[in-house]
Every structure is written in structure tokens, then in C-alpha cells.
Amino acid sequence: MTPDLWSYPNGVYDMGLNPDIIGFDVQATDGKIGSVDEATYEASQSYIVVDTGPWIFGKKVMLPASVVTQIDPAERKVFVSRTKQEIKNAPEFDETAFEQPDYRDRLGEYYNRFPYTGTL
């Protein structure tokens, strides 16, 4: 069963507490991709925006909450279930339209191509 793309998998964080993960390192399955620039915790609308720094020439990427597999507050790390290349190939982050349904639909079409690997 595949959960909502825009919801965090069960057990990723305490639903009663929205952790402040701004500035946490983001770890893809094959290494660090940047740090969290923004994060939301709204039901069925959650995402993180990652500042990739020099890795993709200072660009940002938006990741749906369902790709987050773990948040480690002690290590200040967020782990995601995608490779660097999968993230790099995602639709370009559009700072003016990222909250619009059309942009989310395009991003959702891209990320739905990959098998779900989180916890139900």
C-alpha cells in the first residue's frame, strides 16, 4: 500500500510535535545532498525544501514528505529514500509556484514513478 505522497510515513516524527528541522543535513541513500531550508507538517500537504548548496550549483529542491524515512534530532539529520541522481532529476524547484497544485502535480508524477520504501 502506498500512502499519500505529501504525508510523512508513520514513525518519522511524533505527530504531536512538529520538530524544527531547518538547517538539518539531508542524507539521500547515497550521501548528503544539502540542508533543510523549509519544512511543513500539514496533513496531506507536507514537504521539505532542501538547499543543495554547491552540489547542484546552489539550487533548491522540493521533496514530498513521504520520501523522509527518519529524522535524527541528535545528529541533526533528515534521511530520505531517494538517490542523489533521482533528486537531481526531479522537476526544478519553482519558488514562485511551489505551493500551487500544478507544480505539486508535476512533482508528484515524478516521485510516484519510484517504489514506496517508507514505513506504513
PDB file of N, CA and C in Angstrom:
ATOM      1  N   MET A   1       0.830  -1.180   0.000  1.00  0.00           N
ATOM      2  CA  MET A   1       0.000   0.000   0.000  1.00  0.00           C
ATOM      3  C   MET A   1       0.875   1.243   0.000  1.00  0.00           C
ATOM      4  N   THR A   2       0.563   2.205  -0.833  1.00  0.00           N
ATOM      5  CA  THR A   2       1.308   3.452  -0.909  1.00  0.00           C
ATOM      6  C   THR A   2       0.523   4.554  -0.217  1.00  0.00           C
ATOM      7  N   PRO A   3       1.142   5.235   0.740  1.00  0.00           N
ATOM      8  CA  PRO A   3       0.448   6.308   1.434  1.00  0.00           C
ATOM      9  C   PRO A   3       0.420   7.578   0.587  1.00  0.00           C
ATOM     10  N   ASP A   4      -0.208   8.600   1.127  1.00  0.00           N
ATOM     11  CA  ASP A   4      -0.238   9.906   0.492  1.00  0.00           C
ATOM     12  C   ASP A   4       1.190  10.414   0.309  1.00  0.00           C
ATOM     13  N   LEU A   5       1.511  10.846  -0.889  1.00  0.00           N
ATOM     14  CA  LEU A   5       2.844  11.349  -1.213  1.00  0.00           C
ATOM     15  C   LEU A   5       3.238  12.528  -0.328  1.00  0.00           C
ATOM     16  N   TRP A   6       2.266  13.310   0.076  1.00  0.00           N
ATOM     17  CA  TRP A   6       2.524  14.552   0.813  1.00  0.00           C
ATOM     18  C   TRP A   6       2.346  14.386   2.320  1.00  0.00           C
ATOM     19  N   SER A   7       2.459  13.157   2.830  1.00  0.00           N
ATOM     20  CA  SER A   7       2.378  12.895   4.269  1.00  0.00           C
ATOM     21  C   SER A   7       3.620  12.142   4.719  1.00  0.00           C
ATOM     22  N   TYR A   8       4.089  12.456   5.916  1.00  0.00           N
ATOM     23  CA  TYR A   8       5.233  11.741   6.471  1.00  0.00           C
ATOM     24  C   TYR A   8       4.832  10.302   6.791  1.00  0.00           C
ATOM     25  N   PRO A   9       5.713   9.339   6.571  1.00  0.00           N
ATOM     26  CA  PRO A   9       5.428   7.953   6.957  1.00  0.00           C
ATOM     27  C   PRO A   9       5.275   7.848   8.476  1.00  0.00           C
ATOM     28  N   ASN A  10       4.511   6.857   8.910  1.00  0.00           N
ATOM     29  CA  ASN A  10       4.340   6.619  10.344  1.00  0.00           C
ATOM     30  C   ASN A  10       5.692   6.431  11.011  1.00  0.00           C
ATOM     31  N   GLY A  11       5.843   7.034  12.179  1.00  0.00           N
ATOM     32  CA  GLY A  11       7.047   6.845  12.969  1.00  0.00           C
ATOM     33  C   GLY A  11       8.200   7.769  12.632  1.00  0.00           C
ATOM     34  N   VAL A  12       8.059   8.615  11.623  1.00  0.00           N
ATOM     35  CA  VAL A  12       9.159   9.505  11.260  1.00  0.00           C
ATOM     36  C   VAL A  12       9.334  10.598  12.311  1.00  0.00           C
ATOM     37  N   TYR A  13       8.234  11.109  12.835  1.00  0.00           N
ATOM     38  CA  TYR A  13       8.313  12.088  13.901  1.00  0.00           C
ATOM     39  C   TYR A  13       7.055  11.981  14.750  1.00  0.00           C
ATOM     40  N   ASP A  14       7.122  12.496  15.970  1.00  0.00           N
ATOM     41  CA  ASP A  14       5.980  12.472  16.884  1.00  0.00           C
ATOM     42  C   ASP A  14       4.922  13.428  16.355  1.00  0.00           C
ATOM     43  N   MET A  15       3.753  12.893  15.996  1.00  0.00           N
ATOM     44  CA  MET A  15       2.693  13.704  15.400  1.00  0.00           C
ATOM     45  C   MET A  15       2.268  14.865  16.297  1.00  0.00           C
ATOM     46  N   GLY A  16       2.465  14.754  17.602  1.00  0.00           N
ATOM     47  CA  GLY A  16       2.098  15.839  18.499  1.00  0.00           C
ATOM     48  C   GLY A  16       3.105  16.971  18.510  1.00  0.00           C
ATOM     49  N   LEU A  17       4.299  16.702  18.016  1.00  0.00           N
ATOM     50  CA  LEU A  17       5.366  17.701  17.995  1.00  0.00           C
ATOM     51  C   LEU A  17       5.863  17.888  16.573  1.00  0.00           C
ATOM     52  N   ASN A  18       5.935  19.107  16.126  1.00  0.00           N
ATOM     53  CA  ASN A  18       6.498  19.397  14.813  1.00  0.00           C
ATOM     54  C   ASN A  18       7.939  19.842  15.029  1.00  0.00           C
ATOM     55  N   PRO A  19       8.884  18.959  14.782  1.00  0.00           N
ATOM     56  CA  PRO A  19      10.278  19.294  15.064  1.00  0.00           C
ATOM     57  C   PRO A  19      10.788  20.409  14.152  1.00  0.00           C
ATOM     58  N   ASP A  20      11.637  21.243  14.706  1.00  0.00           N
ATOM     59  CA  ASP A  20      12.255  22.294  13.899  1.00  0.00           C
ATOM     60  C   ASP A  20      13.485  21.684  13.230  1.00  0.00           C
ATOM     61  N   ILE A  21      13.339  21.329  11.956  1.00  0.00           N
ATOM     62  CA  ILE A  21      14.437  20.668  11.254  1.00  0.00           C
ATOM     63  C   ILE A  21      15.161  21.611  10.296  1.00  0.00           C
ATOM     64  N   ILE A  22      14.828  22.886  10.330  1.00  0.00           N
ATOM     65  CA  ILE A  22      15.523  23.862   9.484  1.00  0.00           C
ATOM     66  C   ILE A  22      17.011  23.806   9.815  1.00  0.00           C
ATOM     67  N   GLY A  23      17.832  23.677   8.785  1.00  0.00           N
ATOM     68  CA  GLY A  23      19.280  23.591   8.965  1.00  0.00           C
ATOM     69  C   GLY A  23      19.816  22.181   9.114  1.00  0.00           C
ATOM     70  N   PHE A  24      18.940  21.191   9.299  1.00  0.00           N
ATOM     71  CA  PHE A  24      19.400  19.803   9.398  1.00  0.00           C
ATOM     72  C   PHE A  24      19.997  19.374   8.058  1.00  0.00           C
ATOM     73  N   ASP A  25      21.030  18.540   8.104  1.00  0.00           N
ATOM     74  CA  ASP A  25      21.585  17.937   6.892  1.00  0.00           C
ATOM     75  C   ASP A  25      20.577  16.949   6.320  1.00  0.00           C
ATOM     76  N   VAL A  26      20.536  16.847   4.996  1.00  0.00           N
ATOM     77  CA  VAL A  26      19.649  15.889   4.337  1.00  0.00           C
ATOM     78  C   VAL A  26      20.516  14.831   3.666  1.00  0.00           C
ATOM     79  N   GLN A  27      20.248  13.570   4.027  1.00  0.00           N
ATOM     80  CA  GLN A  27      21.016  12.440   3.525  1.00  0.00           C
ATOM     81  C   GLN A  27      20.175  11.623   2.547  1.00  0.00           C
ATOM     82  N   ALA A  28      20.598  11.591   1.294  1.00  0.00           N
ATOM     83  CA  ALA A  28      19.993  10.686   0.319  1.00  0.00           C
ATOM     84  C   ALA A  28      20.524   9.284   0.620  1.00  0.00           C
ATOM     85  N   THR A  29      20.059   8.288  -0.118  1.00  0.00           N
ATOM     86  CA  THR A  29      20.529   6.926   0.134  1.00  0.00           C
ATOM     87  C   THR A  29      22.017   6.771  -0.168  1.00  0.00           C
ATOM     88  N   ASP A  30      22.568   7.709  -0.965  1.00  0.00           N
ATOM     89  CA  ASP A  30      23.979   7.614  -1.337  1.00  0.00           C
ATOM     90  C   ASP A  30      24.796   8.850  -0.953  1.00  0.00           C
ATOM     91  N   GLY A  31      24.353   9.573   0.072  1.00  0.00           N
ATOM     92  CA  GLY A  31      25.157  10.681   0.576  1.00  0.00           C
ATOM     93  C   GLY A  31      24.380  11.965   0.795  1.00  0.00           C
ATOM     94  N   LYS A  32      25.080  12.932   1.349  1.00  0.00           N
ATOM     95  CA  LYS A  32      24.472  14.224   1.689  1.00  0.00           C
ATOM     96  C   LYS A  32      24.112  15.009   0.430  1.00  0.00           C
ATOM     97  N   ILE A  33      22.915  15.632   0.457  1.00  0.00           N
ATOM     98  CA  ILE A  33      22.502  16.453  -0.680  1.00  0.00           C
ATOM     99  C   ILE A  33      22.349  17.925  -0.331  1.00  0.00           C
ATOM    100  N   GLY A  34      22.375  18.263   0.952  1.00  0.00           N
ATOM    101  CA  GLY A  34      22.222  19.660   1.335  1.00  0.00           C
ATOM    102  C   GLY A  34      21.624  19.769   2.718  1.00  0.00           C
ATOM    103  N   SER A  35      20.910  20.888   2.955  1.00  0.00           N
ATOM    104  CA  SER A  35      20.298  21.096   4.263  1.00  0.00           C
ATOM    105  C   SER A  35      18.876  21.618   4.097  1.00  0.00           C
ATOM    106  N   VAL A  36      18.068  21.360   5.109  1.00  0.00           N
ATOM    107  CA  VAL A  36      16.659  21.751   5.073  1.00  0.00           C
ATOM    108  C   VAL A  36      16.556  23.270   5.149  1.00  0.00           C
ATOM    109  N   ASP A  37      15.873  23.849   4.177  1.00  0.00           N
ATOM    110  CA  ASP A  37      15.639  25.280   4.129  1.00  0.00           C
ATOM    111  C   ASP A  37      14.236  25.613   4.641  1.00  0.00           C
ATOM    112  N   GLU A  38      13.301  24.687   4.435  1.00  0.00           N
ATOM    113  CA  GLU A  38      11.916  24.877   4.855  1.00  0.00           C
ATOM    114  C   GLU A  38      11.283  23.507   5.044  1.00  0.00           C
ATOM    115  N   ALA A  39      10.340  23.407   5.976  1.00  0.00           N
ATOM    116  CA  ALA A  39       9.625  22.148   6.198  1.00  0.00           C
ATOM    117  C   ALA A  39       8.208  22.466   6.656  1.00  0.00           C
ATOM    118  N   THR A  40       7.259  21.642   6.205  1.00  0.00           N
ATOM    119  CA  THR A  40       5.870  21.800   6.645  1.00  0.00           C
ATOM    120  C   THR A  40       5.368  20.471   7.191  1.00  0.00           C
ATOM    121  N   TYR A  41       4.320  20.560   7.995  1.00  0.00           N
ATOM    122  CA  TYR A  41       3.758  19.377   8.645  1.00  0.00           C
ATOM    123  C   TYR A  41       2.234  19.351   8.516  1.00  0.00           C
ATOM    124  N   GLU A  42       1.698  19.946   7.470  1.00  0.00           N
ATOM    125  CA  GLU A  42       0.253  19.993   7.267  1.00  0.00           C
ATOM    126  C   GLU A  42      -0.225  18.666   6.694  1.00  0.00           C
ATOM    127  N   ALA A  43      -1.365  18.200   7.171  1.00  0.00           N
ATOM    128  CA  ALA A  43      -1.918  16.923   6.709  1.00  0.00           C
ATOM    129  C   ALA A  43      -2.063  16.910   5.193  1.00  0.00           C
ATOM    130  N   SER A  44      -1.484  15.902   4.571  1.00  0.00           N
ATOM    131  CA  SER A  44      -1.549  15.679   3.118  1.00  0.00           C
ATOM    132  C   SER A  44      -0.992  16.828   2.280  1.00  0.00           C
ATOM    133  N   GLN A  45      -0.168  17.691   2.882  1.00  0.00           N
ATOM    134  CA  GLN A  45       0.447  18.799   2.147  1.00  0.00           C
ATOM    135  C   GLN A  45       1.881  19.044   2.599  1.00  0.00           C
ATOM    136  N   SER A  46       2.501  18.076   3.232  1.00  0.00           N
ATOM    137  CA  SER A  46       3.819  18.270   3.833  1.00  0.00           C
ATOM    138  C   SER A  46       4.951  18.038   2.839  1.00  0.00           C
ATOM    139  N   TYR A  47       6.020  18.800   3.034  1.00  0.00           N
ATOM    140  CA  TYR A  47       7.195  18.696   2.168  1.00  0.00           C
ATOM    141  C   TYR A  47       8.383  19.298   2.888  1.00  0.00           C
ATOM    142  N   ILE A  48       9.568  19.066   2.325  1.00  0.00           N
ATOM    143  CA  ILE A  48      10.762  19.786   2.752  1.00  0.00           C
ATOM    144  C   ILE A  48      11.382  20.422   1.519  1.00  0.00           C
ATOM    145  N   VAL A  49      11.962  21.586   1.711  1.00  0.00           N
ATOM    146  CA  VAL A  49      12.732  22.250   0.665  1.00  0.00           C
ATOM    147  C   VAL A  49      14.182  22.163   1.102  1.00  0.00           C
ATOM    148  N   VAL A  50      15.023  21.661   0.209  1.00  0.00           N
ATOM    149  CA  VAL A  50      16.431  21.431   0.520  1.00  0.00           C
ATOM    150  C   VAL A  50      17.295  22.389  -0.288  1.00  0.00           C
ATOM    151  N   ASP A  51      18.159  23.106   0.402  1.00  0.00           N
ATOM    152  CA  ASP A  51      19.155  23.950  -0.249  1.00  0.00           C
ATOM    153  C   ASP A  51      20.349  23.055  -0.533  1.00  0.00           C
ATOM    154  N   THR A  52      20.619  22.828  -1.814  1.00  0.00           N
ATOM    155  CA  THR A  52      21.669  21.884  -2.183  1.00  0.00           C
ATOM    156  C   THR A  52      23.069  22.479  -2.138  1.00  0.00           C
ATOM    157  N   GLY A  53      23.173  23.778  -1.894  1.00  0.00           N
ATOM    158  CA  GLY A  53      24.483  24.402  -1.829  1.00  0.00           C
ATOM    159  C   GLY A  53      25.249  24.166  -3.129  1.00  0.00           C
ATOM    160  N   PRO A  54      26.526  23.847  -3.052  1.00  0.00           N
ATOM    161  CA  PRO A  54      27.313  23.671  -4.275  1.00  0.00           C
ATOM    162  C   PRO A  54      27.018  22.381  -5.032  1.00  0.00           C
ATOM    163  N   TRP A  55      26.288  21.434  -4.406  1.00  0.00           N
ATOM    164  CA  TRP A  55      26.055  20.146  -5.061  1.00  0.00           C
ATOM    165  C   TRP A  55      25.313  20.319  -6.384  1.00  0.00           C
ATOM    166  N   ILE A  56      24.232  21.119  -6.417  1.00  0.00           N
ATOM    167  CA  ILE A  56      23.554  21.413  -7.689  1.00  0.00           C
ATOM    168  C   ILE A  56      23.615  22.923  -7.909  1.00  0.00           C
ATOM    169  N   PHE A  57      24.794  23.488  -7.751  1.00  0.00           N
ATOM    170  CA  PHE A  57      25.045  24.894  -8.028  1.00  0.00           C
ATOM    171  C   PHE A  57      24.121  25.827  -7.264  1.00  0.00           C
ATOM    172  N   GLY A  58      23.903  25.532  -5.980  1.00  0.00           N
ATOM    173  CA  GLY A  58      23.148  26.425  -5.134  1.00  0.00           C
ATOM    174  C   GLY A  58      21.651  26.404  -5.336  1.00  0.00           C
ATOM    175  N   LYS A  59      21.144  25.435  -6.054  1.00  0.00           N
ATOM    176  CA  LYS A  59      19.700  25.353  -6.278  1.00  0.00           C
ATOM    177  C   LYS A  59      19.009  24.685  -5.105  1.00  0.00           C
ATOM    178  N   LYS A  60      17.687  24.842  -5.085  1.00  0.00           N
ATOM    179  CA  LYS A  60      16.869  24.186  -4.080  1.00  0.00           C
ATOM    180  C   LYS A  60      16.042  23.103  -4.749  1.00  0.00           C
ATOM    181  N   VAL A  61      15.666  22.099  -3.951  1.00  0.00           N
ATOM    182  CA  VAL A  61      14.778  21.042  -4.428  1.00  0.00           C
ATOM    183  C   VAL A  61      13.673  20.859  -3.398  1.00  0.00           C
ATOM    184  N   MET A  62      12.504  20.462  -3.887  1.00  0.00           N
ATOM    185  CA  MET A  62      11.378  20.199  -3.001  1.00  0.00           C
ATOM    186  C   MET A  62      11.136  18.700  -2.981  1.00  0.00           C
ATOM    187  N   LEU A  63      11.029  18.137  -1.783  1.00  0.00           N
ATOM    188  CA  LEU A  63      10.802  16.707  -1.623  1.00  0.00           C
ATOM    189  C   LEU A  63       9.487  16.493  -0.887  1.00  0.00           C
ATOM    190  N   PRO A  64       8.619  15.635  -1.418  1.00  0.00           N
ATOM    191  CA  PRO A  64       7.388  15.311  -0.694  1.00  0.00           C
ATOM    192  C   PRO A  64       7.723  14.611   0.621  1.00  0.00           C
ATOM    193  N   ALA A  65       6.888  14.814   1.621  1.00  0.00           N
ATOM    194  CA  ALA A  65       7.150  14.266   2.956  1.00  0.00           C
ATOM    195  C   ALA A  65       7.295  12.751   2.965  1.00  0.00           C
ATOM    196  N   SER A  66       6.650  12.061   2.043  1.00  0.00           N
ATOM    197  CA  SER A  66       6.691  10.595   2.066  1.00  0.00           C
ATOM    198  C   SER A  66       8.071  10.018   1.792  1.00  0.00           C
ATOM    199  N   VAL A  67       9.001  10.796   1.247  1.00  0.00           N
ATOM    200  CA  VAL A  67      10.347  10.273   0.994  1.00  0.00           C
ATOM    201  C   VAL A  67      11.239  10.363   2.234  1.00  0.00           C
ATOM    202  N   VAL A  68      10.769  11.058   3.278  1.00  0.00           N
ATOM    203  CA  VAL A  68      11.534  11.154   4.521  1.00  0.00           C
ATOM    204  C   VAL A  68      11.375   9.837   5.281  1.00  0.00           C
ATOM    205  N   THR A  69      12.496   9.201   5.591  1.00  0.00           N
ATOM    206  CA  THR A  69      12.440   7.921   6.295  1.00  0.00           C
ATOM    207  C   THR A  69      12.800   8.043   7.766  1.00  0.00           C
ATOM    208  N   GLN A  70      13.556   9.087   8.117  1.00  0.00           N
ATOM    209  CA  GLN A  70      13.975   9.247   9.507  1.00  0.00           C
ATOM    210  C   GLN A  70      14.398  10.685   9.746  1.00  0.00           C
ATOM    211  N   ILE A  71      14.088  11.174  10.938  1.00  0.00           N
ATOM    212  CA  ILE A  71      14.600  12.459  11.415  1.00  0.00           C
ATOM    213  C   ILE A  71      15.385  12.159  12.679  1.00  0.00           C
ATOM    214  N   ASP A  72      16.665  12.520  12.684  1.00  0.00           N
ATOM    215  CA  ASP A  72      17.530  12.270  13.836  1.00  0.00           C
ATOM    216  C   ASP A  72      17.894  13.610  14.475  1.00  0.00           C
ATOM    217  N   PRO A  73      17.154  14.024  15.517  1.00  0.00           N
ATOM    218  CA  PRO A  73      17.423  15.319  16.139  1.00  0.00           C
ATOM    219  C   PRO A  73      18.812  15.405  16.774  1.00  0.00           C
ATOM    220  N   ALA A  74      19.316  14.296  17.313  1.00  0.00           N
ATOM    221  CA  ALA A  74      20.629  14.308  17.964  1.00  0.00           C
ATOM    222  C   ALA A  74      21.739  14.593  16.952  1.00  0.00           C
ATOM    223  N   GLU A  75      21.636  13.985  15.782  1.00  0.00           N
ATOM    224  CA  GLU A  75      22.645  14.174  14.733  1.00  0.00           C
ATOM    225  C   GLU A  75      22.306  15.337  13.803  1.00  0.00           C
ATOM    226  N   ARG A  76      21.081  15.907  13.962  1.00  0.00           N
ATOM    227  CA  ARG A  76      20.588  16.998  13.116  1.00  0.00           C
ATOM    228  C   ARG A  76      20.601  16.574  11.640  1.00  0.00           C
ATOM    229  N   LYS A  77      19.986  15.389  11.390  1.00  0.00           N
ATOM    230  CA  LYS A  77      19.941  14.837  10.035  1.00  0.00           C
ATOM    231  C   LYS A  77      18.530  14.387   9.692  1.00  0.00           C
ATOM    232  N   VAL A  78      18.197  14.552   8.411  1.00  0.00           N
ATOM    233  CA  VAL A  78      16.959  14.040   7.833  1.00  0.00           C
ATOM    234  C   VAL A  78      17.378  13.053   6.751  1.00  0.00           C
ATOM    235  N   PHE A  79      16.857  11.844   6.812  1.00  0.00           N
ATOM    236  CA  PHE A  79      17.187  10.808   5.843  1.00  0.00           C
ATOM    237  C   PHE A  79      16.025  10.647   4.874  1.00  0.00           C
ATOM    238  N   VAL A  80      16.351  10.528   3.580  1.00  0.00           N
ATOM    239  CA  VAL A  80      15.322  10.360   2.551  1.00  0.00           C
ATOM    240  C   VAL A  80      15.596   9.110   1.730  1.00  0.00           C
ATOM    241  N   SER A  81      14.537   8.572   1.137  1.00  0.00           N
ATOM    242  CA  SER A  81      14.618   7.284   0.435  1.00  0.00           C
ATOM    243  C   SER A  81      14.877   7.425  -1.060  1.00  0.00           C
ATOM    244  N   ARG A  82      15.594   8.432  -1.449  1.00  0.00           N
ATOM    245  CA  ARG A  82      15.910   8.648  -2.857  1.00  0.00           C
ATOM    246  C   ARG A  82      17.413   8.850  -3.022  1.00  0.00           C
ATOM    247  N   THR A  83      17.920   8.524  -4.208  1.00  0.00           N
ATOM    248  CA  THR A  83      19.339   8.733  -4.506  1.00  0.00           C
ATOM    249  C   THR A  83      19.568  10.189  -4.901  1.00  0.00           C
ATOM    250  N   LYS A  84      20.813  10.579  -4.905  1.00  0.00           N
ATOM    251  CA  LYS A  84      21.177  11.927  -5.350  1.00  0.00           C
ATOM    252  C   LYS A  84      20.684  12.170  -6.778  1.00  0.00           C
ATOM    253  N   GLN A  85      20.886  11.183  -7.651  1.00  0.00           N
ATOM    254  CA  GLN A  85      20.500  11.359  -9.054  1.00  0.00           C
ATOM    255  C   GLN A  85      18.992  11.493  -9.208  1.00  0.00           C
ATOM    256  N   GLU A  86      18.225  10.705  -8.462  1.00  0.00           N
ATOM    257  CA  GLU A  86      16.758  10.815  -8.524  1.00  0.00           C
ATOM    258  C   GLU A  86      16.301  12.204  -8.098  1.00  0.00           C
ATOM    259  N   ILE A  87      16.934  12.746  -7.073  1.00  0.00           N
ATOM    260  CA  ILE A  87      16.588  14.084  -6.605  1.00  0.00           C
ATOM    261  C   ILE A  87      17.026  15.137  -7.611  1.00  0.00           C
ATOM    262  N   LYS A  88      18.208  14.969  -8.157  1.00  0.00           N
ATOM    263  CA  LYS A  88      18.725  15.928  -9.136  1.00  0.00           C
ATOM    264  C   LYS A  88      17.850  15.956 -10.398  1.00  0.00           C
ATOM    265  N   ASN A  89      17.280  14.818 -10.785  1.00  0.00           N
ATOM    266  CA  ASN A  89      16.460  14.729 -11.994  1.00  0.00           C
ATOM    267  C   ASN A  89      15.012  15.194 -11.796  1.00  0.00           C
ATOM    268  N   ALA A  90      14.633  15.514 -10.562  1.00  0.00           N
ATOM    269  CA  ALA A  90      13.258  15.946 -10.273  1.00  0.00           C
ATOM    270  C   ALA A  90      12.974  17.286 -10.956  1.00  0.00           C
ATOM    271  N   PRO A  91      11.690  17.601 -11.151  1.00  0.00           N
ATOM    272  CA  PRO A  91      11.357  18.912 -11.722  1.00  0.00           C
ATOM    273  C   PRO A  91      12.027  20.029 -10.925  1.00  0.00           C
ATOM    274  N   GLU A  92      12.498  21.035 -11.637  1.00  0.00           N
ATOM    275  CA  GLU A  92      13.193  22.143 -10.995  1.00  0.00           C
ATOM    276  C   GLU A  92      12.293  22.855  -9.994  1.00  0.00           C
ATOM    277  N   PHE A  93      12.869  23.224  -8.855  1.00  0.00           N
ATOM    278  CA  PHE A  93      12.124  23.931  -7.820  1.00  0.00           C
ATOM    279  C   PHE A  93      11.740  25.309  -8.338  1.00  0.00           C
ATOM    280  N   ASP A  94      10.472  25.647  -8.199  1.00  0.00           N
ATOM    281  CA  ASP A  94       9.956  26.943  -8.636  1.00  0.00           C
ATOM    282  C   ASP A  94       9.476  27.701  -7.410  1.00  0.00           C
ATOM    283  N   GLU A  95      10.286  28.634  -6.951  1.00  0.00           N
ATOM    284  CA  GLU A  95       9.985  29.373  -5.729  1.00  0.00           C
ATOM    285  C   GLU A  95       8.697  30.186  -5.829  1.00  0.00           C
ATOM    286  N   THR A  96       8.279  30.518  -7.039  1.00  0.00           N
ATOM    287  CA  THR A  96       7.054  31.310  -7.198  1.00  0.00           C
ATOM    288  C   THR A  96       5.808  30.439  -7.297  1.00  0.00           C
ATOM    289  N   ALA A  97       5.966  29.147  -7.564  1.00  0.00           N
ATOM    290  CA  ALA A  97       4.788  28.303  -7.798  1.00  0.00           C
ATOM    291  C   ALA A  97       4.761  27.011  -6.979  1.00  0.00           C
ATOM    292  N   PHE A  98       5.710  26.822  -6.063  1.00  0.00           N
ATOM    293  CA  PHE A  98       5.803  25.522  -5.397  1.00  0.00           C
ATOM    294  C   PHE A  98       4.594  25.187  -4.534  1.00  0.00           C
ATOM    295  N   GLU A  99       3.794  26.154  -4.164  1.00  0.00           N
ATOM    296  CA  GLU A  99       2.597  25.864  -3.377  1.00  0.00           C
ATOM    297  C   GLU A  99       1.356  25.683  -4.248  1.00  0.00           C
ATOM    298  N   GLN A 100       1.514  25.801  -5.557  1.00  0.00           N
ATOM    299  CA  GLN A 100       0.392  25.677  -6.486  1.00  0.00           C
ATOM    300  C   GLN A 100       0.139  24.209  -6.843  1.00  0.00           C
ATOM    301  N   PRO A 101      -1.136  23.840  -7.036  1.00  0.00           N
ATOM    302  CA  PRO A 101      -1.479  22.446  -7.370  1.00  0.00           C
ATOM    303  C   PRO A 101      -0.791  21.925  -8.635  1.00  0.00           C
ATOM    304  N   ASP A 102      -0.626  22.748  -9.666  1.00  0.00           N
ATOM    305  CA  ASP A 102       0.015  22.291 -10.907  1.00  0.00           C
ATOM    306  C   ASP A 102       1.452  21.841 -10.659  1.00  0.00           C
ATOM    307  N   TYR A 103       2.187  22.629  -9.890  1.00  0.00           N
ATOM    308  CA  TYR A 103       3.572  22.272  -9.595  1.00  0.00           C
ATOM    309  C   TYR A 103       3.631  20.999  -8.772  1.00  0.00           C
ATOM    310  N   ARG A 104       2.783  20.900  -7.758  1.00  0.00           N
ATOM    311  CA  ARG A 104       2.761  19.698  -6.918  1.00  0.00           C
ATOM    312  C   ARG A 104       2.365  18.464  -7.729  1.00  0.00           C
ATOM    313  N   ASP A 105       1.454  18.634  -8.678  1.00  0.00           N
ATOM    314  CA  ASP A 105       1.061  17.515  -9.534  1.00  0.00           C
ATOM    315  C   ASP A 105       2.255  17.017 -10.348  1.00  0.00           C
ATOM    316  N   ARG A 106       3.033  17.934 -10.932  1.00  0.00           N
ATOM    317  CA  ARG A 106       4.221  17.542 -11.711  1.00  0.00           C
ATOM    318  C   ARG A 106       5.239  16.837 -10.829  1.00  0.00           C
ATOM    319  N   LEU A 107       5.470  17.394  -9.648  1.00  0.00           N
ATOM    320  CA  LEU A 107       6.414  16.785  -8.725  1.00  0.00           C
ATOM    321  C   LEU A 107       5.909  15.415  -8.278  1.00  0.00           C
ATOM    322  N   GLY A 108       4.613  15.330  -8.010  1.00  0.00           N
ATOM    323  CA  GLY A 108       4.013  14.060  -7.607  1.00  0.00           C
ATOM    324  C   GLY A 108       4.126  13.005  -8.688  1.00  0.00           C
ATOM    325  N   GLU A 109       3.901  13.391  -9.949  1.00  0.00           N
ATOM    326  CA  GLU A 109       4.048  12.448 -11.065  1.00  0.00           C
ATOM    327  C   GLU A 109       5.467  11.902 -11.116  1.00  0.00           C
ATOM    328  N   TYR A 110       6.442  12.771 -10.880  1.00  0.00           N
ATOM    329  CA  TYR A 110       7.832  12.333 -10.908  1.00  0.00           C
ATOM    330  C   TYR A 110       8.119  11.352  -9.763  1.00  0.00           C
ATOM    331  N   TYR A 111       7.810  11.735  -8.528  1.00  0.00           N
ATOM    332  CA  TYR A 111       8.149  10.891  -7.380  1.00  0.00           C
ATOM    333  C   TYR A 111       7.308   9.626  -7.303  1.00  0.00           C
ATOM    334  N   ASN A 112       6.120   9.622  -7.870  1.00  0.00           N
ATOM    335  CA  ASN A 112       5.295   8.408  -7.875  1.00  0.00           C
ATOM    336  C   ASN A 112       5.841   7.333  -8.809  1.00  0.00           C
ATOM    337  N   ARG A 113       6.831   7.654  -9.623  1.00  0.00           N
ATOM    338  CA  ARG A 113       7.460   6.656 -10.510  1.00  0.00           C
ATOM    339  C   ARG A 113       8.291   5.647  -9.730  1.00  0.00           C
ATOM    340  N   PHE A 114       8.682   6.031  -8.525  1.00  0.00           N
ATOM    341  CA  PHE A 114       9.595   5.204  -7.732  1.00  0.00           C
ATOM    342  C   PHE A 114       8.800   4.400  -6.716  1.00  0.00           C
ATOM    343  N   PRO A 115       9.260   3.200  -6.400  1.00  0.00           N
ATOM    344  CA  PRO A 115       8.548   2.385  -5.401  1.00  0.00           C
ATOM    345  C   PRO A 115       8.624   3.066  -4.042  1.00  0.00           C
ATOM    346  N   TYR A 116       7.537   2.919  -3.294  1.00  0.00           N
ATOM    347  CA  TYR A 116       7.489   3.469  -1.943  1.00  0.00           C
ATOM    348  C   TYR A 116       8.351   2.602  -1.037  1.00  0.00           C
ATOM    349  N   THR A 117       9.196   3.227  -0.228  1.00  0.00           N
ATOM    350  CA  THR A 117      10.087   2.464   0.642  1.00  0.00           C
ATOM    351  C   THR A 117       9.978   2.842   2.105  1.00  0.00           C
ATOM    352  N   GLY A 118       9.019   3.673   2.458  1.00  0.00           N
ATOM    353  CA  GLY A 118       8.859   4.107   3.847  1.00  0.00           C
ATOM    354  C   GLY A 118       8.116   3.090   4.683  1.00  0.00           C
ATOM    355  N   THR A 119       7.799   3.492   5.899  1.00  0.00           N
ATOM    356  CA  THR A 119       7.081   2.650   6.841  1.00  0.00           C
ATOM    357  C   THR A 119       5.612   2.997   6.817  1.00  0.00           C
ATOM    358  N   LEU A 120       4.747   1.995   6.721  1.00  0.00           N
ATOM    359  CA  LEU A 120       3.309   2.257   6.764  1.00  0.00           C
ATOM    360  C   LEU A 120       2.820   2.280   8.174  1.00  0.00           C
TER     361      LEU A 120
END
